[in-house]
Amino acid sequence: MIAYTLKQDDDGQWSIRCMGSTLASGLPLEPARRQAYEMAHAAHMALGRPTCVEVISAGANLHVAIEAQPQPVCRSATA
């Protein structure tokens, strides 16, 4: 799973992080959440791997969106 993390900075703004890298910082919560979800969705579509967006603030860790790989569809062929 690829996790995009929203973390509140010391100044009260939010940063978006993924796999140890800061992708954006200094954002209000709602734009940060929206941008993180768009990044997670794009990664899911490009790589086909499950993604999630989580929020870390004041010791709380919440998953706000999870995009999983679709289940395979089984079809039978008839001759």
N, C-alpha and C. Protein backbone atom coordinates (compact mmCIF):
# COMPACT_ATOMS: atom_id res chain seq x y z
N MET A 1 0.84 -1.18 0.00
CA MET A 1 0.00 0.00 0.00
C MET A 1 0.88 1.24 0.00
N ILE A 2 0.50 2.20 -0.80
CA ILE A 2 1.20 3.49 -0.84
C ILE A 2 0.41 4.46 0.03
N ALA A 3 1.06 4.97 1.08
CA ALA A 3 0.38 5.87 2.02
C ALA A 3 0.83 7.31 1.77
N TYR A 4 -0.14 8.18 1.60
CA TYR A 4 0.09 9.62 1.55
C TYR A 4 -0.34 10.15 2.90
N THR A 5 0.56 10.87 3.56
CA THR A 5 0.31 11.31 4.93
C THR A 5 0.18 12.82 4.99
N LEU A 6 -0.88 13.28 5.64
CA LEU A 6 -1.05 14.69 5.94
C LEU A 6 -0.57 14.90 7.37
N LYS A 7 0.37 15.79 7.54
CA LYS A 7 0.90 16.04 8.88
C LYS A 7 0.88 17.53 9.16
N GLN A 8 0.38 17.86 10.35
CA GLN A 8 0.32 19.26 10.73
C GLN A 8 1.70 19.75 11.14
N ASP A 9 2.12 20.87 10.54
CA ASP A 9 3.42 21.46 10.85
C ASP A 9 3.32 22.30 12.12
N ASP A 10 4.45 22.73 12.62
CA ASP A 10 4.48 23.54 13.85
C ASP A 10 3.69 24.84 13.72
N ASP A 11 3.61 25.39 12.51
CA ASP A 11 2.89 26.65 12.30
C ASP A 11 1.39 26.45 12.06
N GLY A 12 0.90 25.22 12.17
CA GLY A 12 -0.52 24.95 12.01
C GLY A 12 -0.93 24.61 10.59
N GLN A 13 -0.03 24.78 9.64
CA GLN A 13 -0.31 24.40 8.26
C GLN A 13 -0.04 22.91 8.08
N TRP A 14 -0.35 22.38 6.91
CA TRP A 14 -0.25 20.95 6.67
C TRP A 14 0.72 20.63 5.54
N SER A 15 1.38 19.48 5.66
CA SER A 15 2.26 19.01 4.59
C SER A 15 1.78 17.64 4.12
N ILE A 16 2.10 17.33 2.88
CA ILE A 16 1.78 16.03 2.29
C ILE A 16 3.09 15.29 2.12
N ARG A 17 3.14 14.07 2.65
CA ARG A 17 4.35 13.26 2.58
C ARG A 17 4.04 11.89 2.03
N CYS A 18 5.02 11.31 1.37
CA CYS A 18 4.88 9.96 0.85
C CYS A 18 6.26 9.32 0.79
N MET A 19 6.38 8.17 1.37
CA MET A 19 7.62 7.38 1.37
C MET A 19 8.84 8.21 1.76
N GLY A 20 8.69 8.99 2.84
CA GLY A 20 9.81 9.75 3.38
C GLY A 20 10.08 11.08 2.71
N SER A 21 9.33 11.44 1.68
CA SER A 21 9.54 12.70 0.98
C SER A 21 8.38 13.65 1.22
N THR A 22 8.68 14.93 1.38
CA THR A 22 7.64 15.94 1.48
C THR A 22 7.29 16.38 0.07
N LEU A 23 6.03 16.21 -0.30
CA LEU A 23 5.57 16.54 -1.64
C LEU A 23 5.00 17.95 -1.73
N ALA A 24 4.44 18.44 -0.63
CA ALA A 24 3.89 19.80 -0.56
C ALA A 24 3.84 20.20 0.90
N SER A 25 3.92 21.51 1.16
CA SER A 25 3.86 21.97 2.55
C SER A 25 3.25 23.36 2.60
N GLY A 26 2.89 23.79 3.82
CA GLY A 26 2.33 25.11 4.02
C GLY A 26 0.91 25.27 3.52
N LEU A 27 0.14 24.18 3.53
CA LEU A 27 -1.22 24.21 3.01
C LEU A 27 -2.25 24.19 4.14
N PRO A 28 -3.41 24.85 3.93
CA PRO A 28 -4.53 24.66 4.85
C PRO A 28 -5.02 23.21 4.74
N LEU A 29 -5.73 22.73 5.74
CA LEU A 29 -6.12 21.32 5.78
C LEU A 29 -6.93 20.87 4.56
N GLU A 30 -7.99 21.58 4.22
CA GLU A 30 -8.86 21.10 3.13
C GLU A 30 -8.13 21.03 1.78
N PRO A 31 -7.38 22.05 1.36
CA PRO A 31 -6.62 21.90 0.12
C PRO A 31 -5.58 20.78 0.20
N ALA A 32 -4.96 20.60 1.36
CA ALA A 32 -3.98 19.53 1.52
C ALA A 32 -4.65 18.17 1.39
N ARG A 33 -5.82 18.02 2.01
CA ARG A 33 -6.55 16.76 1.92
C ARG A 33 -6.95 16.46 0.48
N ARG A 34 -7.46 17.47 -0.20
CA ARG A 34 -7.90 17.30 -1.59
C ARG A 34 -6.71 16.91 -2.49
N GLN A 35 -5.58 17.61 -2.32
CA GLN A 35 -4.40 17.34 -3.14
C GLN A 35 -3.83 15.95 -2.84
N ALA A 36 -3.80 15.56 -1.57
CA ALA A 36 -3.29 14.22 -1.21
C ALA A 36 -4.18 13.14 -1.82
N TYR A 37 -5.50 13.33 -1.78
CA TYR A 37 -6.40 12.34 -2.37
C TYR A 37 -6.17 12.25 -3.88
N GLU A 38 -5.99 13.38 -4.55
CA GLU A 38 -5.73 13.36 -5.99
C GLU A 38 -4.42 12.63 -6.31
N MET A 39 -3.39 12.87 -5.49
CA MET A 39 -2.11 12.18 -5.68
C MET A 39 -2.26 10.67 -5.48
N ALA A 40 -2.99 10.29 -4.43
CA ALA A 40 -3.20 8.87 -4.14
C ALA A 40 -4.00 8.21 -5.25
N HIS A 41 -5.02 8.90 -5.74
CA HIS A 41 -5.84 8.35 -6.83
C HIS A 41 -5.00 8.18 -8.10
N ALA A 42 -4.18 9.17 -8.43
CA ALA A 42 -3.33 9.09 -9.62
C ALA A 42 -2.34 7.94 -9.50
N ALA A 43 -1.75 7.76 -8.32
CA ALA A 43 -0.81 6.65 -8.11
C ALA A 43 -1.53 5.32 -8.24
N HIS A 44 -2.73 5.24 -7.69
CA HIS A 44 -3.50 4.00 -7.79
C HIS A 44 -3.81 3.67 -9.24
N MET A 45 -4.22 4.67 -10.01
CA MET A 45 -4.56 4.44 -11.41
C MET A 45 -3.32 4.07 -12.23
N ALA A 46 -2.19 4.71 -11.95
CA ALA A 46 -0.96 4.47 -12.71
C ALA A 46 -0.30 3.14 -12.37
N LEU A 47 -0.31 2.80 -11.08
CA LEU A 47 0.44 1.62 -10.63
C LEU A 47 -0.45 0.43 -10.31
N GLY A 48 -1.74 0.67 -10.12
CA GLY A 48 -2.65 -0.42 -9.78
C GLY A 48 -2.47 -0.94 -8.37
N ARG A 49 -1.76 -0.20 -7.53
CA ARG A 49 -1.54 -0.62 -6.15
C ARG A 49 -2.50 0.11 -5.23
N PRO A 50 -2.86 -0.52 -4.11
CA PRO A 50 -3.72 0.16 -3.15
C PRO A 50 -3.02 1.40 -2.58
N THR A 51 -3.80 2.44 -2.34
CA THR A 51 -3.27 3.67 -1.76
C THR A 51 -4.17 4.10 -0.60
N CYS A 52 -3.64 4.95 0.26
CA CYS A 52 -4.47 5.52 1.31
C CYS A 52 -3.96 6.92 1.63
N VAL A 53 -4.84 7.70 2.23
CA VAL A 53 -4.49 9.01 2.74
C VAL A 53 -4.74 8.96 4.23
N GLU A 54 -3.74 9.35 5.01
CA GLU A 54 -3.90 9.35 6.46
C GLU A 54 -3.54 10.72 7.01
N VAL A 55 -4.15 11.05 8.14
CA VAL A 55 -3.93 12.34 8.79
C VAL A 55 -3.26 12.10 10.13
N ILE A 56 -2.18 12.83 10.37
CA ILE A 56 -1.49 12.73 11.66
C ILE A 56 -1.52 14.11 12.31
N SER A 57 -2.18 14.18 13.47
CA SER A 57 -2.29 15.43 14.21
C SER A 57 -2.53 15.14 15.68
N ALA A 58 -1.79 15.78 16.54
CA ALA A 58 -1.96 15.67 17.99
C ALA A 58 -2.03 14.21 18.45
N GLY A 59 -1.17 13.37 17.91
CA GLY A 59 -1.12 11.98 18.33
C GLY A 59 -2.18 11.09 17.72
N ALA A 60 -3.08 11.64 16.93
CA ALA A 60 -4.13 10.83 16.29
C ALA A 60 -3.67 10.46 14.88
N ASN A 61 -3.98 9.25 14.49
CA ASN A 61 -3.63 8.77 13.16
C ASN A 61 -4.90 8.21 12.54
N LEU A 62 -5.41 8.87 11.50
CA LEU A 62 -6.67 8.49 10.88
C LEU A 62 -6.49 8.20 9.40
N HIS A 63 -7.12 7.15 8.92
CA HIS A 63 -7.18 6.91 7.48
C HIS A 63 -8.43 7.62 6.99
N VAL A 64 -8.26 8.55 6.04
CA VAL A 64 -9.43 9.27 5.55
C VAL A 64 -9.90 8.76 4.19
N ALA A 65 -9.06 8.06 3.48
CA ALA A 65 -9.47 7.49 2.19
C ALA A 65 -8.57 6.32 1.86
N ILE A 66 -9.17 5.27 1.40
CA ILE A 66 -8.41 4.10 0.95
C ILE A 66 -8.93 3.71 -0.42
N GLU A 67 -8.01 3.53 -1.34
CA GLU A 67 -8.39 3.09 -2.67
C GLU A 67 -7.71 1.75 -2.90
N ALA A 68 -8.49 0.71 -3.00
CA ALA A 68 -7.95 -0.64 -3.13
C ALA A 68 -8.01 -1.10 -4.57
N GLN A 69 -7.20 -2.08 -4.82
CA GLN A 69 -7.20 -2.69 -6.13
C GLN A 69 -8.53 -3.41 -6.33
N PRO A 70 -9.17 -3.25 -7.50
CA PRO A 70 -10.43 -3.93 -7.70
C PRO A 70 -10.26 -5.45 -7.70
N GLN A 71 -11.28 -6.13 -7.23
CA GLN A 71 -11.26 -7.58 -7.22
C GLN A 71 -11.38 -8.10 -8.66
N PRO A 72 -10.65 -9.14 -9.01
CA PRO A 72 -10.76 -9.67 -10.36
C PRO A 72 -12.16 -10.21 -10.61
N VAL A 73 -12.60 -10.05 -11.82
CA VAL A 73 -13.90 -10.56 -12.22
C VAL A 73 -13.70 -11.89 -12.91
N CYS A 74 -14.39 -12.92 -12.44
CA CYS A 74 -14.27 -14.26 -13.04
C CYS A 74 -15.35 -14.42 -14.10
N ARG A 75 -14.95 -14.84 -15.24
CA ARG A 75 -15.91 -15.09 -16.32
C ARG A 75 -15.66 -16.47 -16.88
N SER A 76 -16.72 -17.10 -17.27
CA SER A 76 -16.55 -18.40 -17.91
C SER A 76 -16.85 -18.26 -19.40
N ALA A 77 -16.08 -18.96 -20.17
CA ALA A 77 -16.28 -18.93 -21.62
C ALA A 77 -17.10 -20.14 -22.02
N THR A 78 -18.02 -19.92 -22.89
CA THR A 78 -18.81 -21.04 -23.41
C THR A 78 -18.53 -21.17 -24.89
N ALA A 79 -18.45 -22.41 -25.35
CA ALA A 79 -18.14 -22.63 -26.75
C ALA A 79 -19.38 -22.79 -27.56
